[in-house]
């Protein structure tokens, strides 16, 4: 089975941390001003995923909290506790 890949294009990052997505890619993916992306990293790679669903500021804050939580777990910054204590703690969050 033959795999087809996009020919990579080069771009630069601005002093404000902005990256230009080439016109051809923007047209192909329907990217317009205000389009929302999920951003993640893995080793030396930055991955952008265009989100089609409407996402609001609260969704973005939640995604950021999840990202921070995973980082804490990966770096060993978490608490271990018995399951009954965990559920008591979880009940506090429901309020």
PDB file of N, CA and C in Angstrom:
ATOM      1  N   UNK A   1       0.842  -1.171   0.000  1.00  0.00           N
ATOM      2  CA  UNK A   1       0.000   0.000   0.000  1.00  0.00           C
ATOM      3  C   UNK A   1       0.894   1.244   0.000  1.00  0.00           C
ATOM      4  N   UNK A   2       0.676   2.126  -0.923  1.00  0.00           N
ATOM      5  CA  UNK A   2       1.476   3.333  -1.062  1.00  0.00           C
ATOM      6  C   UNK A   2       0.894   4.440  -0.173  1.00  0.00           C
ATOM      7  N   UNK A   3       1.757   5.044   0.645  1.00  0.00           N
ATOM      8  CA  UNK A   3       1.325   6.147   1.508  1.00  0.00           C
ATOM      9  C   UNK A   3       1.687   7.462   0.843  1.00  0.00           C
ATOM     10  N   UNK A   4       0.769   8.404   0.911  1.00  0.00           N
ATOM     11  CA  UNK A   4       1.042   9.723   0.357  1.00  0.00           C
ATOM     12  C   UNK A   4       1.235  10.709   1.494  1.00  0.00           C
ATOM     13  N   UNK A   5       2.275  11.509   1.392  1.00  0.00           N
ATOM     14  CA  UNK A   5       2.575  12.512   2.402  1.00  0.00           C
ATOM     15  C   UNK A   5       2.612  13.874   1.745  1.00  0.00           C
ATOM     16  N   UNK A   6       2.217  14.887   2.502  1.00  0.00           N
ATOM     17  CA  UNK A   6       2.352  16.257   2.031  1.00  0.00           C
ATOM     18  C   UNK A   6       3.836  16.588   1.932  1.00  0.00           C
ATOM     19  N   UNK A   7       4.200  17.333   0.917  1.00  0.00           N
ATOM     20  CA  UNK A   7       5.570  17.822   0.809  1.00  0.00           C
ATOM     21  C   UNK A   7       5.716  18.922   1.855  1.00  0.00           C
ATOM     22  N   UNK A   8       6.684  18.796   2.755  1.00  0.00           N
ATOM     23  CA  UNK A   8       6.821  19.810   3.801  1.00  0.00           C
ATOM     24  C   UNK A   8       7.204  21.168   3.227  1.00  0.00           C
ATOM     25  N   UNK A   9       6.710  22.206   3.862  1.00  0.00           N
ATOM     26  CA  UNK A   9       7.097  23.566   3.515  1.00  0.00           C
ATOM     27  C   UNK A   9       7.749  24.177   4.737  1.00  0.00           C
ATOM     28  N   UNK A  10       8.608  25.147   4.528  1.00  0.00           N
ATOM     29  CA  UNK A  10       9.289  25.818   5.630  1.00  0.00           C
ATOM     30  C   UNK A  10       8.539  27.080   6.014  1.00  0.00           C
ATOM     31  N   UNK A  11       8.563  27.379   7.281  1.00  0.00           N
ATOM     32  CA  UNK A  11       7.959  28.598   7.793  1.00  0.00           C
ATOM     33  C   UNK A  11       8.798  29.079   8.964  1.00  0.00           C
ATOM     34  N   UNK A  12       8.589  30.299   9.398  1.00  0.00           N
ATOM     35  CA  UNK A  12       9.342  30.864  10.522  1.00  0.00           C
ATOM     36  C   UNK A  12       8.381  31.256  11.626  1.00  0.00           C
ATOM     37  N   UNK A  13       8.926  31.347  12.817  1.00  0.00           N
ATOM     38  CA  UNK A  13       8.150  31.820  13.953  1.00  0.00           C
ATOM     39  C   UNK A  13       8.461  33.301  14.163  1.00  0.00           C
ATOM     40  N   UNK A  14       7.421  34.074  14.480  1.00  0.00           N
ATOM     41  CA  UNK A  14       7.610  35.513  14.681  1.00  0.00           C
ATOM     42  C   UNK A  14       8.091  35.792  16.101  1.00  0.00           C
ATOM     43  N   UNK A  15       8.411  37.039  16.365  1.00  0.00           N
ATOM     44  CA  UNK A  15       8.847  37.439  17.709  1.00  0.00           C
ATOM     45  C   UNK A  15       7.729  37.251  18.733  1.00  0.00           C
ATOM     46  N   UNK A  16       6.481  37.153  18.265  1.00  0.00           N
ATOM     47  CA  UNK A  16       5.335  36.937  19.154  1.00  0.00           C
ATOM     48  C   UNK A  16       4.982  35.454  19.276  1.00  0.00           C
ATOM     49  N   UNK A  17       5.782  34.578  18.675  1.00  0.00           N
ATOM     50  CA  UNK A  17       5.523  33.144  18.749  1.00  0.00           C
ATOM     51  C   UNK A  17       4.498  32.665  17.737  1.00  0.00           C
ATOM     52  N   UNK A  18       4.197  33.475  16.742  1.00  0.00           N
ATOM     53  CA  UNK A  18       3.210  33.102  15.724  1.00  0.00           C
ATOM     54  C   UNK A  18       3.892  32.367  14.581  1.00  0.00           C
ATOM     55  N   UNK A  19       3.188  31.356  14.070  1.00  0.00           N
ATOM     56  CA  UNK A  19       3.691  30.561  12.953  1.00  0.00           C
ATOM     57  C   UNK A  19       2.726  30.721  11.788  1.00  0.00           C
ATOM     58  N   UNK A  20       3.264  30.934  10.600  1.00  0.00           N
ATOM     59  CA  UNK A  20       2.433  31.050   9.406  1.00  0.00           C
ATOM     60  C   UNK A  20       2.195  29.658   8.841  1.00  0.00           C
ATOM     61  N   UNK A  21       0.924  29.316   8.641  1.00  0.00           N
ATOM     62  CA  UNK A  21       0.567  28.074   7.970  1.00  0.00           C
ATOM     63  C   UNK A  21       0.435  28.421   6.484  1.00  0.00           C
ATOM     64  N   UNK A  22       1.185  27.748   5.628  1.00  0.00           N
ATOM     65  CA  UNK A  22       1.159  28.090   4.195  1.00  0.00           C
ATOM     66  C   UNK A  22      -0.267  28.095   3.622  1.00  0.00           C
ATOM     67  N   UNK A  23      -0.492  29.003   2.674  1.00  0.00           N
ATOM     68  CA  UNK A  23      -1.809  29.196   2.043  1.00  0.00           C
ATOM     69  C   UNK A  23      -2.404  27.899   1.530  1.00  0.00           C
ATOM     70  N   UNK A  24      -1.615  27.094   0.855  1.00  0.00           N
ATOM     71  CA  UNK A  24      -2.107  25.836   0.282  1.00  0.00           C
ATOM     72  C   UNK A  24      -2.725  24.941   1.363  1.00  0.00           C
ATOM     73  N   UNK A  25      -2.053  24.857   2.517  1.00  0.00           N
ATOM     74  CA  UNK A  25      -2.563  24.023   3.607  1.00  0.00           C
ATOM     75  C   UNK A  25      -3.816  24.631   4.224  1.00  0.00           C
ATOM     76  N   UNK A  26      -3.825  25.967   4.378  1.00  0.00           N
ATOM     77  CA  UNK A  26      -5.014  26.628   4.942  1.00  0.00           C
ATOM     78  C   UNK A  26      -6.232  26.392   4.063  1.00  0.00           C
ATOM     79  N   UNK A  27      -6.055  26.525   2.736  1.00  0.00           N
ATOM     80  CA  UNK A  27      -7.171  26.299   1.815  1.00  0.00           C
ATOM     81  C   UNK A  27      -7.642  24.852   1.882  1.00  0.00           C
ATOM     82  N   UNK A  28      -6.708  23.904   1.843  1.00  0.00           N
ATOM     83  CA  UNK A  28      -7.037  22.487   1.841  1.00  0.00           C
ATOM     84  C   UNK A  28      -7.835  22.093   3.086  1.00  0.00           C
ATOM     85  N   UNK A  29      -7.487  22.677   4.239  1.00  0.00           N
ATOM     86  CA  UNK A  29      -8.130  22.311   5.495  1.00  0.00           C
ATOM     87  C   UNK A  29      -9.249  23.275   5.906  1.00  0.00           C
ATOM     88  N   UNK A  30      -9.492  24.305   5.089  1.00  0.00           N
ATOM     89  CA  UNK A  30     -10.547  25.259   5.429  1.00  0.00           C
ATOM     90  C   UNK A  30     -10.225  26.076   6.666  1.00  0.00           C
ATOM     91  N   UNK A  31      -8.966  26.420   6.819  1.00  0.00           N
ATOM     92  CA  UNK A  31      -8.540  27.197   7.983  1.00  0.00           C
ATOM     93  C   UNK A  31      -8.746  28.679   7.691  1.00  0.00           C
ATOM     94  N   UNK A  32      -9.492  29.321   8.587  1.00  0.00           N
ATOM     95  CA  UNK A  32      -9.778  30.752   8.450  1.00  0.00           C
ATOM     96  C   UNK A  32      -9.419  31.452   9.748  1.00  0.00           C
ATOM     97  N   UNK A  33      -9.426  32.761   9.725  1.00  0.00           N
ATOM     98  CA  UNK A  33      -9.177  33.526  10.940  1.00  0.00           C
ATOM     99  C   UNK A  33     -10.155  33.075  12.020  1.00  0.00           C
ATOM    100  N   UNK A  34      -9.634  32.798  13.206  1.00  0.00           N
ATOM    101  CA  UNK A  34     -10.473  32.353  14.310  1.00  0.00           C
ATOM    102  C   UNK A  34     -10.606  30.846  14.423  1.00  0.00           C
ATOM    103  N   UNK A  35     -10.054  30.083  13.454  1.00  0.00           N
ATOM    104  CA  UNK A  35     -10.100  28.621  13.555  1.00  0.00           C
ATOM    105  C   UNK A  35      -9.415  28.187  14.849  1.00  0.00           C
ATOM    106  N   UNK A  36      -9.947  27.148  15.462  1.00  0.00           N
ATOM    107  CA  UNK A  36      -9.428  26.664  16.745  1.00  0.00           C
ATOM    108  C   UNK A  36      -8.613  25.392  16.519  1.00  0.00           C
ATOM    109  N   UNK A  37      -7.482  25.303  17.215  1.00  0.00           N
ATOM    110  CA  UNK A  37      -6.596  24.157  17.127  1.00  0.00           C
ATOM    111  C   UNK A  37      -6.268  23.628  18.509  1.00  0.00           C
ATOM    112  N   UNK A  38      -6.113  22.328  18.612  1.00  0.00           N
ATOM    113  CA  UNK A  38      -5.515  21.704  19.786  1.00  0.00           C
ATOM    114  C   UNK A  38      -4.021  21.620  19.471  1.00  0.00           C
ATOM    115  N   UNK A  39      -3.184  21.904  20.452  1.00  0.00           N
ATOM    116  CA  UNK A  39      -1.737  21.902  20.250  1.00  0.00           C
ATOM    117  C   UNK A  39      -1.106  20.964  21.270  1.00  0.00           C
ATOM    118  N   UNK A  40      -0.217  20.096  20.797  1.00  0.00           N
ATOM    119  CA  UNK A  40       0.510  19.226  21.713  1.00  0.00           C
ATOM    120  C   UNK A  40       1.938  19.060  21.211  1.00  0.00           C
ATOM    121  N   UNK A  41       2.782  18.523  22.069  1.00  0.00           N
ATOM    122  CA  UNK A  41       4.174  18.304  21.693  1.00  0.00           C
ATOM    123  C   UNK A  41       4.572  16.874  22.007  1.00  0.00           C
ATOM    124  N   UNK A  42       5.502  16.391  21.256  1.00  0.00           N
ATOM    125  CA  UNK A  42       6.090  15.073  21.486  1.00  0.00           C
ATOM    126  C   UNK A  42       7.522  15.148  20.987  1.00  0.00           C
ATOM    127  N   UNK A  43       8.460  15.005  21.901  1.00  0.00           N
ATOM    128  CA  UNK A  43       9.879  15.129  21.584  1.00  0.00           C
ATOM    129  C   UNK A  43      10.122  16.474  20.887  1.00  0.00           C
ATOM    130  N   UNK A  44      10.657  16.483  19.667  1.00  0.00           N
ATOM    131  CA  UNK A  44      10.942  17.739  18.961  1.00  0.00           C
ATOM    132  C   UNK A  44       9.864  18.108  17.961  1.00  0.00           C
ATOM    133  N   UNK A  45       8.623  17.658  18.189  1.00  0.00           N
ATOM    134  CA  UNK A  45       7.560  17.893  17.224  1.00  0.00           C
ATOM    135  C   UNK A  45       6.403  18.638  17.887  1.00  0.00           C
ATOM    136  N   UNK A  46       5.845  19.602  17.169  1.00  0.00           N
ATOM    137  CA  UNK A  46       4.636  20.298  17.600  1.00  0.00           C
ATOM    138  C   UNK A  46       3.524  19.840  16.668  1.00  0.00           C
ATOM    139  N   UNK A  47       2.416  19.416  17.244  1.00  0.00           N
ATOM    140  CA  UNK A  47       1.301  18.913  16.454  1.00  0.00           C
ATOM    141  C   UNK A  47       0.104  19.844  16.640  1.00  0.00           C
ATOM    142  N   UNK A  48      -0.451  20.298  15.507  1.00  0.00           N
ATOM    143  CA  UNK A  48      -1.663  21.115  15.514  1.00  0.00           C
ATOM    144  C   UNK A  48      -2.797  20.276  14.957  1.00  0.00           C
ATOM    145  N   UNK A  49      -3.920  20.246  15.642  1.00  0.00           N
ATOM    146  CA  UNK A  49      -5.094  19.521  15.165  1.00  0.00           C
ATOM    147  C   UNK A  49      -6.251  20.504  15.075  1.00  0.00           C
ATOM    148  N   UNK A  50      -6.744  20.720  13.852  1.00  0.00           N
ATOM    149  CA  UNK A  50      -7.871  21.623  13.657  1.00  0.00           C
ATOM    150  C   UNK A  50      -9.099  20.999  14.291  1.00  0.00           C
ATOM    151  N   UNK A  51      -9.801  21.777  15.087  1.00  0.00           N
ATOM    152  CA  UNK A  51     -11.021  21.305  15.724  1.00  0.00           C
ATOM    153  C   UNK A  51     -12.212  21.844  14.957  1.00  0.00           C
ATOM    154  N   UNK A  52     -13.100  20.961  14.558  1.00  0.00           N
ATOM    155  CA  UNK A  52     -14.278  21.368  13.811  1.00  0.00           C
ATOM    156  C   UNK A  52     -15.423  21.770  14.730  1.00  0.00           C
ATOM    157  N   UNK A  53     -15.477  21.155  15.900  1.00  0.00           N
ATOM    158  CA  UNK A  53     -16.566  21.446  16.825  1.00  0.00           C
ATOM    159  C   UNK A  53     -16.346  22.817  17.468  1.00  0.00           C
ATOM    160  N   UNK A  54     -17.437  23.434  17.853  1.00  0.00           N
ATOM    161  CA  UNK A  54     -17.332  24.699  18.575  1.00  0.00           C
ATOM    162  C   UNK A  54     -16.735  24.417  19.943  1.00  0.00           C
ATOM    163  N   UNK A  55     -15.761  25.181  20.311  1.00  0.00           N
ATOM    164  CA  UNK A  55     -15.108  25.024  21.598  1.00  0.00           C
ATOM    165  C   UNK A  55     -15.058  26.396  22.247  1.00  0.00           C
ATOM    166  N   UNK A  56     -15.372  26.452  23.525  1.00  0.00           N
ATOM    167  CA  UNK A  56     -15.385  27.749  24.192  1.00  0.00           C
ATOM    168  C   UNK A  56     -14.199  27.874  25.148  1.00  0.00           C
ATOM    169  N   UNK A  57     -14.099  29.021  25.783  1.00  0.00           N
ATOM    170  CA  UNK A  57     -12.963  29.304  26.664  1.00  0.00           C
ATOM    171  C   UNK A  57     -12.893  28.314  27.821  1.00  0.00           C
ATOM    172  N   UNK A  58     -14.041  27.897  28.345  1.00  0.00           N
ATOM    173  CA  UNK A  58     -14.051  26.919  29.446  1.00  0.00           C
ATOM    174  C   UNK A  58     -13.474  25.584  28.989  1.00  0.00           C
ATOM    175  N   UNK A  59     -13.798  25.153  27.776  1.00  0.00           N
ATOM    176  CA  UNK A  59     -13.230  23.925  27.228  1.00  0.00           C
ATOM    177  C   UNK A  59     -11.703  24.038  27.130  1.00  0.00           C
ATOM    178  N   UNK A  60     -11.222  25.184  26.684  1.00  0.00           N
ATOM    179  CA  UNK A  60      -9.779  25.385  26.564  1.00  0.00           C
ATOM    180  C   UNK A  60      -9.098  25.349  27.923  1.00  0.00           C
ATOM    181  N   UNK A  61      -9.733  25.961  28.943  1.00  0.00           N
ATOM    182  CA  UNK A  61      -9.163  25.928  30.302  1.00  0.00           C
ATOM    183  C   UNK A  61      -9.103  24.483  30.813  1.00  0.00           C
ATOM    184  N   UNK A  62     -10.150  23.711  30.552  1.00  0.00           N
ATOM    185  CA  UNK A  62     -10.173  22.316  30.986  1.00  0.00           C
ATOM    186  C   UNK A  62      -9.063  21.523  30.303  1.00  0.00           C
ATOM    187  N   UNK A  63      -8.893  21.718  28.994  1.00  0.00           N
ATOM    188  CA  UNK A  63      -7.822  21.027  28.271  1.00  0.00           C
ATOM    189  C   UNK A  63      -6.451  21.375  28.853  1.00  0.00           C
ATOM    190  N   UNK A  64      -6.258  22.637  29.207  1.00  0.00           N
ATOM    191  CA  UNK A  64      -4.987  23.073  29.789  1.00  0.00           C
ATOM    192  C   UNK A  64      -4.757  22.399  31.143  1.00  0.00           C
ATOM    193  N   UNK A  65      -5.818  22.303  31.962  1.00  0.00           N
ATOM    194  CA  UNK A  65      -5.697  21.641  33.262  1.00  0.00           C
ATOM    195  C   UNK A  65      -5.353  20.160  33.103  1.00  0.00           C
ATOM    196  N   UNK A  66      -5.955  19.511  32.120  1.00  0.00           N
ATOM    197  CA  UNK A  66      -5.659  18.100  31.859  1.00  0.00           C
ATOM    198  C   UNK A  66      -4.201  17.948  31.432  1.00  0.00           C
ATOM    199  N   UNK A  67      -3.754  18.847  30.557  1.00  0.00           N
ATOM    200  CA  UNK A  67      -2.355  18.807  30.105  1.00  0.00           C
ATOM    201  C   UNK A  67      -1.407  18.964  31.296  1.00  0.00           C
ATOM    202  N   UNK A  68      -1.704  19.917  32.188  1.00  0.00           N
ATOM    203  CA  UNK A  68      -0.854  20.140  33.360  1.00  0.00           C
ATOM    204  C   UNK A  68      -0.872  18.933  34.290  1.00  0.00           C
ATOM    205  N   UNK A  69      -2.043  18.315  34.441  1.00  0.00           N
ATOM    206  CA  UNK A  69      -2.154  17.137  35.305  1.00  0.00           C
ATOM    207  C   UNK A  69      -1.299  15.992  34.777  1.00  0.00           C
ATOM    208  N   UNK A  70      -1.344  15.740  33.460  1.00  0.00           N
ATOM    209  CA  UNK A  70      -0.522  14.679  32.884  1.00  0.00           C
ATOM    210  C   UNK A  70       0.961  14.967  33.076  1.00  0.00           C
ATOM    211  N   UNK A  71       1.340  16.233  32.933  1.00  0.00           N
ATOM    212  CA  UNK A  71       2.745  16.602  33.131  1.00  0.00           C
ATOM    213  C   UNK A  71       3.162  16.312  34.575  1.00  0.00           C
ATOM    214  N   UNK A  72       2.283  16.663  35.533  1.00  0.00           N
ATOM    215  CA  UNK A  72       2.578  16.378  36.940  1.00  0.00           C
ATOM    216  C   UNK A  72       2.749  14.881  37.173  1.00  0.00           C
ATOM    217  N   UNK A  73       1.880  14.083  36.577  1.00  0.00           N
ATOM    218  CA  UNK A  73       1.960  12.634  36.737  1.00  0.00           C
ATOM    219  C   UNK A  73       3.263  12.109  36.138  1.00  0.00           C
ATOM    220  N   UNK A  74       3.585  12.556  34.916  1.00  0.00           N
ATOM    221  CA  UNK A  74       4.807  12.094  34.251  1.00  0.00           C
ATOM    222  C   UNK A  74       6.058  12.483  35.023  1.00  0.00           C
ATOM    223  N   UNK A  75       6.021  13.611  35.737  1.00  0.00           N
ATOM    224  CA  UNK A  75       7.189  14.085  36.481  1.00  0.00           C
ATOM    225  C   UNK A  75       7.156  13.661  37.947  1.00  0.00           C
ATOM    226  N   UNK A  76       6.200  12.789  38.294  1.00  0.00           N
ATOM    227  CA  UNK A  76       6.156  12.241  39.644  1.00  0.00           C
ATOM    228  C   UNK A  76       5.569  13.166  40.691  1.00  0.00           C
ATOM    229  N   UNK A  77       4.888  14.232  40.277  1.00  0.00           N
ATOM    230  CA  UNK A  77       4.278  15.172  41.232  1.00  0.00           C
ATOM    231  C   UNK A  77       2.790  14.834  41.407  1.00  0.00           C
ATOM    232  N   UNK A  78       2.515  13.855  42.228  1.00  0.00           N
ATOM    233  CA  UNK A  78       1.135  13.481  42.502  1.00  0.00           C
ATOM    234  C   UNK A  78       1.085  12.824  43.876  1.00  0.00           C
ATOM    235  N   UNK A  79      -0.115  12.707  44.406  1.00  0.00           N
ATOM    236  CA  UNK A  79      -0.304  12.075  45.713  1.00  0.00           C
ATOM    237  C   UNK A  79      -0.879  10.684  45.533  1.00  0.00           C
ATOM    238  N   UNK A  80      -0.434   9.782  46.371  1.00  0.00           N
ATOM    239  CA  UNK A  80      -1.059   8.467  46.444  1.00  0.00           C
ATOM    240  C   UNK A  80      -1.924   8.468  47.691  1.00  0.00           C
ATOM    241  N   UNK A  81      -3.112   7.884  47.577  1.00  0.00           N
ATOM    242  CA  UNK A  81      -3.999   7.803  48.726  1.00  0.00           C
ATOM    243  C   UNK A  81      -4.885   6.580  48.596  1.00  0.00           C
ATOM    244  N   UNK A  82      -5.378   6.108  49.724  1.00  0.00           N
ATOM    245  CA  UNK A  82      -6.302   4.970  49.676  1.00  0.00           C
ATOM    246  C   UNK A  82      -7.566   5.351  48.897  1.00  0.00           C
ATOM    247  N   UNK A  83      -8.205   4.361  48.301  1.00  0.00           N
ATOM    248  CA  UNK A  83      -9.350   4.620  47.441  1.00  0.00           C
ATOM    249  C   UNK A  83     -10.492   5.304  48.181  1.00  0.00           C
ATOM    250  N   UNK A  84     -10.737   4.945  49.443  1.00  0.00           N
ATOM    251  CA  UNK A  84     -11.828   5.580  50.190  1.00  0.00           C
ATOM    252  C   UNK A  84     -11.551   7.063  50.413  1.00  0.00           C
ATOM    253  N   UNK A  85     -10.303   7.419  50.676  1.00  0.00           N
ATOM    254  CA  UNK A  85      -9.932   8.826  50.840  1.00  0.00           C
ATOM    255  C   UNK A  85     -10.071   9.572  49.503  1.00  0.00           C
ATOM    256  N   UNK A  86      -9.706   8.900  48.409  1.00  0.00           N
ATOM    257  CA  UNK A  86      -9.843   9.503  47.087  1.00  0.00           C
ATOM    258  C   UNK A  86     -11.303   9.864  46.810  1.00  0.00           C
ATOM    259  N   UNK A  87     -12.226   8.933  47.094  1.00  0.00           N
ATOM    260  CA  UNK A  87     -13.641   9.199  46.831  1.00  0.00           C
ATOM    261  C   UNK A  87     -14.179  10.316  47.733  1.00  0.00           C
ATOM    262  N   UNK A  88     -13.690  10.414  48.971  1.00  0.00           N
ATOM    263  CA  UNK A  88     -14.086  11.531  49.842  1.00  0.00           C
ATOM    264  C   UNK A  88     -13.610  12.858  49.244  1.00  0.00           C
ATOM    265  N   UNK A  89     -12.396  12.856  48.736  1.00  0.00           N
ATOM    266  CA  UNK A  89     -11.847  14.062  48.086  1.00  0.00           C
ATOM    267  C   UNK A  89     -12.659  14.406  46.842  1.00  0.00           C
ATOM    268  N   UNK A  90     -13.019  13.414  46.070  1.00  0.00           N
ATOM    269  CA  UNK A  90     -13.804  13.613  44.864  1.00  0.00           C
ATOM    270  C   UNK A  90     -15.171  14.213  45.184  1.00  0.00           C
ATOM    271  N   UNK A  91     -15.771  13.804  46.283  1.00  0.00           N
ATOM    272  CA  UNK A  91     -17.064  14.358  46.701  1.00  0.00           C
ATOM    273  C   UNK A  91     -16.971  15.863  46.932  1.00  0.00           C
ATOM    274  N   UNK A  92     -15.854  16.336  47.459  1.00  0.00           N
ATOM    275  CA  UNK A  92     -15.650  17.782  47.687  1.00  0.00           C
ATOM    276  C   UNK A  92     -15.707  18.541  46.366  1.00  0.00           C
ATOM    277  N   UNK A  93     -15.205  17.913  45.298  1.00  0.00           N
ATOM    278  CA  UNK A  93     -15.154  18.579  43.994  1.00  0.00           C
ATOM    279  C   UNK A  93     -16.524  18.758  43.387  1.00  0.00           C
ATOM    280  N   UNK A  94     -17.482  17.917  43.762  1.00  0.00           N
ATOM    281  CA  UNK A  94     -18.827  17.989  43.201  1.00  0.00           C
ATOM    282  C   UNK A  94     -19.591  19.211  43.690  1.00  0.00           C
ATOM    283  N   UNK A  95     -19.164  19.784  44.772  1.00  0.00           N
ATOM    284  CA  UNK A  95     -19.887  20.921  45.375  1.00  0.00           C
ATOM    285  C   UNK A  95     -19.676  22.188  44.635  1.00  0.00           C
TER     286      UNK A  95
END
